Amino acid sequence: MEVNVLLGYIGLACMLGLSFIGSAFGTTIAGNAAEGGLKKNPDGSTNYMILSAMPASQGLYGFVAFLLWVGKDFAHDGVKLFAVGLAVGVVLLFSAIRQGQVCANGIVGISQGHDVFTNTLIYAALPEFYAILSLIAALMV
């Protein structure tokens, strides 16, 4: 197998795999907080569920980027695909994990009786912004 083709496939794997791993970690970080919050204040379950699901969007961004790049000519674009795939995958990985941590802290606050749902959504949108930028950058290359 030619090196460019191999690099192209590794780039696609990074783009897709790292975004999915980040989403899995982020949603479980927030989900663990939601489980604890349900024990303390079960009335906030809707808010917990919404906040727990937010980090899943990074996996969707990785999937969209993957679909847009999967038809490229790896023989010519392999190195470029590797660079884009690795960069997008790493951004989505860390964005999802950090967003999960922000959401988890919001869930804890809500379970303690504080009215922080709206503020948590705003704070959680900040890592989401960088995930969206990485997707846009992948589209523009």
Protein backbone atom coordinates (compact mmCIF):
# COMPACT_ATOMS: atom_id res chain seq x y z
CA MET A 1 0.00 0.00 0.00
CA GLU A 2 1.30 3.41 -0.89
CA VAL A 3 2.30 5.68 2.01
CA ASN A 4 -0.09 8.47 0.96
CA VAL A 5 -3.03 6.09 0.92
CA LEU A 6 -2.09 4.73 4.34
CA LEU A 7 -1.76 8.25 5.75
CA GLY A 8 -5.16 9.13 4.28
CA TYR A 9 -6.83 6.21 6.01
CA ILE A 10 -5.10 7.02 9.30
CA GLY A 11 -6.36 10.62 8.97
CA LEU A 12 -9.92 9.42 8.42
CA ALA A 13 -9.62 7.08 11.39
CA CYS A 14 -8.38 9.94 13.60
CA MET A 15 -11.15 12.25 12.43
CA LEU A 16 -13.88 9.73 13.14
CA GLY A 17 -12.42 7.73 16.00
CA LEU A 18 -11.17 10.58 18.18
CA SER A 19 -14.44 12.49 17.84
CA PHE A 20 -16.42 9.40 18.87
CA ILE A 21 -14.09 8.71 21.79
CA GLY A 22 -14.40 12.32 22.96
CA SER A 23 -18.18 12.19 22.76
CA ALA A 24 -18.27 8.92 24.66
CA PHE A 25 -16.07 10.35 27.42
CA GLY A 26 -17.90 13.69 27.54
CA THR A 27 -21.37 12.19 27.73
CA THR A 28 -20.35 9.71 30.43
CA ILE A 29 -18.68 12.44 32.50
CA ALA A 30 -21.91 14.44 32.46
CA GLY A 31 -24.00 11.28 32.76
CA ASN A 32 -22.20 10.26 35.94
CA ALA A 33 -22.97 13.66 37.43
CA ALA A 34 -26.59 13.27 36.32
CA GLU A 35 -26.87 9.94 38.11
CA GLY A 36 -25.60 11.55 41.30
CA GLY A 37 -27.87 14.56 40.78
CA LEU A 38 -30.91 12.31 40.44
CA LYS A 39 -30.27 10.94 43.92
CA LYS A 40 -30.14 14.41 45.42
CA ASN A 41 -32.76 16.24 43.31
CA PRO A 42 -34.79 14.08 40.90
CA ASP A 43 -36.85 17.10 39.78
CA GLY A 44 -33.98 18.31 37.58
CA SER A 45 -33.86 15.16 35.45
CA THR A 46 -34.82 16.96 32.21
CA ASN A 47 -32.03 19.49 32.64
CA TYR A 48 -29.58 16.71 33.52
CA MET A 49 -30.48 14.81 30.37
CA ILE A 50 -30.07 17.85 28.11
CA LEU A 51 -26.68 18.72 29.61
CA SER A 52 -25.52 15.09 29.46
CA ALA A 53 -26.30 14.87 25.75
CA MET A 54 -24.44 18.03 24.70
CA PRO A 55 -20.97 16.46 24.24
CA ALA A 56 -22.42 13.97 21.76
CA SER A 57 -22.45 16.68 19.10
CA GLN A 58 -18.69 16.46 18.61
CA GLY A 59 -19.09 12.91 17.35
CA LEU A 60 -21.59 14.22 14.81
CA TYR A 61 -19.11 16.86 13.64
CA GLY A 62 -16.46 14.19 13.20
CA PHE A 63 -18.89 12.06 11.23
CA VAL A 64 -19.82 14.97 8.94
CA ALA A 65 -16.14 15.75 8.32
CA PHE A 66 -15.51 12.04 7.64
CA LEU A 67 -18.33 11.90 5.08
CA LEU A 68 -16.98 14.96 3.29
CA TRP A 69 -13.44 13.57 3.09
CA VAL A 70 -14.11 9.89 2.46
CA GLY A 71 -14.38 10.29 -1.32
CA LYS A 72 -11.06 12.09 -1.78
CA ASP A 73 -8.20 10.73 -3.85
CA PHE A 74 -5.89 9.38 -1.17
CA ALA A 75 -3.00 8.93 -3.58
CA HIS A 76 -2.78 12.71 -3.97
CA ASP A 77 -4.39 13.98 -0.76
CA GLY A 78 -3.15 11.42 1.78
CA VAL A 79 -0.77 13.68 3.66
CA LYS A 80 -3.30 16.53 3.70
CA LEU A 81 -6.04 14.19 4.90
CA PHE A 82 -3.78 12.87 7.64
CA ALA A 83 -3.03 16.40 8.88
CA VAL A 84 -6.66 17.54 8.72
CA GLY A 85 -7.96 14.31 10.26
CA LEU A 86 -5.52 14.41 13.14
CA ALA A 87 -6.16 18.11 13.85
CA VAL A 88 -9.94 17.81 13.68
CA GLY A 89 -9.95 14.60 15.72
CA VAL A 90 -7.83 16.05 18.52
CA VAL A 91 -9.90 19.26 18.72
CA LEU A 92 -13.14 17.27 18.85
CA LEU A 93 -11.71 14.86 21.43
CA PHE A 94 -10.71 17.57 23.89
CA SER A 95 -13.73 19.74 23.16
CA ALA A 96 -16.13 16.93 24.02
CA ILE A 97 -14.29 15.97 27.20
CA ARG A 98 -14.07 19.54 28.46
CA GLN A 99 -17.69 20.21 27.52
CA GLY A 100 -18.70 17.13 29.50
CA GLN A 101 -16.86 18.50 32.52
CA VAL A 102 -18.59 21.89 32.22
CA CYS A 103 -21.97 20.15 31.92
CA ALA A 104 -21.18 17.91 34.90
CA ASN A 105 -20.46 20.93 37.05
CA GLY A 106 -23.74 22.50 35.95
CA ILE A 107 -25.60 19.32 36.80
CA VAL A 108 -24.09 19.32 40.28
CA GLY A 109 -25.14 22.95 40.73
CA ILE A 110 -28.69 22.23 39.61
CA SER A 111 -28.91 19.23 41.94
CA GLN A 112 -27.90 21.50 44.83
CA GLY A 113 -30.81 23.81 44.07
CA HIS A 114 -29.02 26.56 42.14
CA ASP A 115 -30.61 28.00 39.00
CA VAL A 116 -27.61 27.53 36.67
CA PHE A 117 -29.08 25.66 33.70
CA THR A 118 -29.02 28.61 31.29
CA ASN A 119 -25.55 29.69 32.38
CA THR A 120 -24.27 26.14 31.99
CA LEU A 121 -25.64 25.99 28.44
CA ILE A 122 -23.77 29.20 27.64
CA TYR A 123 -20.52 27.96 29.19
CA ALA A 124 -20.88 24.60 27.42
CA ALA A 125 -21.33 26.40 24.09
CA LEU A 126 -17.78 27.77 24.29
CA PRO A 127 -15.98 24.43 23.70
CA GLU A 128 -18.66 23.67 21.12
CA PHE A 129 -17.58 26.78 19.22
CA TYR A 130 -14.09 25.35 18.71
CA ALA A 131 -15.53 22.03 17.58
CA ILE A 132 -17.58 23.88 14.96
CA LEU A 133 -14.50 25.85 13.88
CA SER A 134 -12.57 22.62 13.38
CA LEU A 135 -15.37 21.25 11.20
CA ILE A 136 -15.44 24.45 9.14
CA ALA A 137 -11.66 24.32 8.76
CA ALA A 138 -11.91 20.72 7.53
CA LEU A 139 -14.47 21.85 4.95
CA MET A 140 -12.32 24.72 3.73
CA VAL A 141 -9.11 22.75 3.18
